[in-house]
Amino acid sequence: METNERTAVTITIDGVPIPKGRPVFGQGRVFTPAKTRAFERTIGWLAKIEMRARPPLQGPLIMNVQFDLPIPVSWSAKQKNDARLGLILPDVPPDLDNLIKSLLDGCRRIAFRDDAQIVAIMARKRFGAQPQTVVTFRAHDLS
């Protein structure tokens, strides 16, 4: 299936990906951590720009996302090069599922109506020269 403006949207978020933070309980209420809220607002703003005033995508969707995490500065030149080449993968926090949660919450009601529409996810985290998140939501081809 060829994707077009009406059936797909790609959003790029520059900077270190922020996972969904654990809720904070206090004063009889539940609060989302400020860092998570700020990241989700940024995602929403970028999603609005990419949607170009289109309504949210409808129907079942496929999500394809890549999280590029920063390479530790303390690593040797060889380790940094191996990380850039994909020979070393980030098997440490943040957890992939928490990264996906913050991304979905930031895009909900903008790129798509509800995250229940997501029927398939291809997600990966890796080290990158420039930390960023690139996500594409596209219509699921039911044929």
Protein backbone atom coordinates (compact mmCIF):
# COMPACT_ATOMS: atom_id res chain seq x y z
CA MET A 1 0.00 0.00 0.00
CA GLU A 2 1.33 3.40 -0.88
CA THR A 3 1.01 5.84 1.99
CA ASN A 4 -0.05 9.40 1.37
CA GLU A 5 -0.97 12.49 3.37
CA ARG A 6 -4.41 11.14 4.19
CA THR A 7 -3.32 7.76 5.52
CA ALA A 8 0.02 8.48 7.20
CA VAL A 9 1.91 11.03 9.24
CA THR A 10 5.58 11.10 10.29
CA ILE A 11 6.65 13.13 13.32
CA THR A 12 10.27 13.85 14.28
CA ILE A 13 11.03 14.95 17.83
CA ASP A 14 14.58 16.23 18.29
CA GLY A 15 16.26 15.68 21.64
CA VAL A 16 16.58 12.89 24.15
CA PRO A 17 13.42 10.72 24.22
CA ILE A 18 11.60 10.92 27.57
CA PRO A 19 9.82 7.82 28.91
CA LYS A 20 6.43 7.97 30.59
CA GLY A 21 7.18 8.74 34.22
CA ARG A 22 5.57 6.92 37.09
CA PRO A 23 2.59 8.78 38.54
CA VAL A 24 3.17 10.79 41.71
CA PHE A 25 0.56 10.52 44.45
CA GLY A 26 -0.12 13.43 46.76
CA GLN A 27 -2.92 15.46 48.33
CA GLY A 28 -5.41 12.76 47.38
CA ARG A 29 -4.60 13.15 43.67
CA VAL A 30 -2.42 11.54 41.03
CA PHE A 31 0.05 13.72 39.13
CA THR A 32 2.04 13.04 35.96
CA PRO A 33 5.67 14.13 36.47
CA ALA A 34 6.43 17.59 35.02
CA LYS A 35 9.18 16.27 32.71
CA THR A 36 6.73 13.77 31.17
CA ARG A 37 4.00 16.42 30.77
CA ALA A 38 6.43 18.79 29.07
CA PHE A 39 7.64 16.10 26.65
CA GLU A 40 4.07 15.07 25.80
CA ARG A 41 3.14 18.73 25.14
CA THR A 42 6.12 19.06 22.79
CA ILE A 43 5.09 15.90 20.96
CA GLY A 44 1.53 17.21 20.63
CA TRP A 45 2.73 20.54 19.26
CA LEU A 46 4.95 18.81 16.67
CA ALA A 47 2.11 16.42 15.76
CA LYS A 48 -0.20 19.40 15.11
CA ILE A 49 2.39 20.91 12.77
CA GLU A 50 2.78 17.64 10.85
CA MET A 51 -0.98 17.06 10.64
CA ARG A 52 -1.35 20.42 8.83
CA ALA A 53 -4.87 21.01 10.21
CA ARG A 54 -6.06 17.57 9.06
CA PRO A 55 -8.37 15.64 11.36
CA PRO A 56 -6.89 12.71 13.31
CA LEU A 57 -6.22 9.53 11.33
CA GLN A 58 -9.14 7.09 11.39
CA GLY A 59 -9.37 3.31 11.60
CA PRO A 60 -6.73 0.74 12.51
CA LEU A 61 -3.17 2.09 12.44
CA ILE A 62 0.37 0.76 12.32
CA MET A 63 3.00 2.58 14.38
CA ASN A 64 6.65 2.49 13.37
CA VAL A 65 9.01 4.26 15.75
CA GLN A 66 12.73 4.63 16.30
CA PHE A 67 14.22 6.14 19.43
CA ASP A 68 17.81 7.36 19.01
CA LEU A 69 19.41 7.64 22.45
CA PRO A 70 22.58 9.60 23.26
CA ILE A 71 25.87 7.76 23.24
CA PRO A 72 27.49 7.95 26.69
CA VAL A 73 30.27 10.55 26.69
CA SER A 74 32.37 8.38 29.00
CA TRP A 75 32.73 5.65 26.38
CA SER A 76 35.92 5.07 24.43
CA ALA A 77 36.15 6.12 20.77
CA LYS A 78 35.77 2.47 19.74
CA GLN A 79 32.64 2.00 21.85
CA LYS A 80 31.15 5.21 20.46
CA ASN A 81 31.87 4.11 16.91
CA ASP A 82 30.42 0.64 17.56
CA ALA A 83 27.30 2.28 19.01
CA ARG A 84 26.90 4.50 15.90
CA LEU A 85 27.23 1.39 13.71
CA GLY A 86 24.57 -0.44 15.71
CA LEU A 87 27.01 -2.99 17.11
CA ILE A 88 26.14 -1.92 20.66
CA LEU A 89 22.47 -1.50 21.52
CA PRO A 90 20.99 0.26 24.56
CA ASP A 91 19.84 -2.65 26.75
CA VAL A 92 19.51 -0.26 29.68
CA PRO A 93 16.76 2.18 30.75
CA PRO A 94 14.69 3.86 29.55
CA ASP A 95 12.38 0.94 28.85
CA LEU A 96 11.00 0.76 25.33
CA ASP A 97 7.40 0.39 26.51
CA ASN A 98 7.61 3.57 28.61
CA LEU A 99 9.07 5.50 25.67
CA ILE A 100 6.14 4.32 23.53
CA LYS A 101 3.60 5.34 26.21
CA SER A 102 4.77 8.95 26.35
CA LEU A 103 4.77 9.14 22.56
CA LEU A 104 1.23 7.75 22.26
CA ASP A 105 -0.10 10.05 24.98
CA GLY A 106 1.44 13.08 23.26
CA CYS A 107 -0.11 12.21 19.87
CA ARG A 108 -3.56 11.10 21.08
CA ARG A 109 -6.45 13.25 19.77
CA ILE A 110 -4.04 14.94 17.33
CA ALA A 111 -2.47 12.33 15.03
CA PHE A 112 -5.16 9.74 15.84
CA ARG A 113 -8.31 9.65 17.99
CA ASP A 114 -7.28 7.04 20.53
CA ASP A 115 -4.34 4.70 21.02
CA ALA A 116 -6.78 1.78 20.83
CA GLN A 117 -6.52 2.34 17.05
CA ILE A 118 -2.92 1.08 17.11
CA VAL A 119 -3.06 -2.55 15.99
CA ALA A 120 0.64 -3.11 15.28
CA ILE A 121 3.85 -1.54 16.56
CA MET A 122 7.38 -1.81 15.21
CA ALA A 123 9.62 -0.07 17.73
CA ARG A 124 13.32 0.04 18.41
CA LYS A 125 15.79 1.99 20.45
CA ARG A 126 19.37 2.46 19.42
CA PHE A 127 22.23 4.86 19.97
CA GLY A 128 22.40 7.80 17.61
CA ALA A 129 24.73 10.69 16.90
CA GLN A 130 21.74 13.02 17.42
CA PRO A 131 19.16 11.96 20.03
CA GLN A 132 15.68 11.99 18.50
CA THR A 133 12.44 10.11 18.01
CA VAL A 134 10.94 9.43 14.59
CA VAL A 135 7.45 7.95 14.47
CA THR A 136 5.14 7.16 11.59
CA PHE A 137 1.48 6.32 11.99
CA ARG A 138 -0.13 4.82 8.89
CA ALA A 139 -3.39 3.18 7.99
CA HIS A 140 -3.41 -0.59 8.25
CA ASP A 141 -3.98 -2.21 4.87
CA LEU A 142 -6.83 -4.64 5.50
CA SER A 143 -6.53 -6.32 2.10
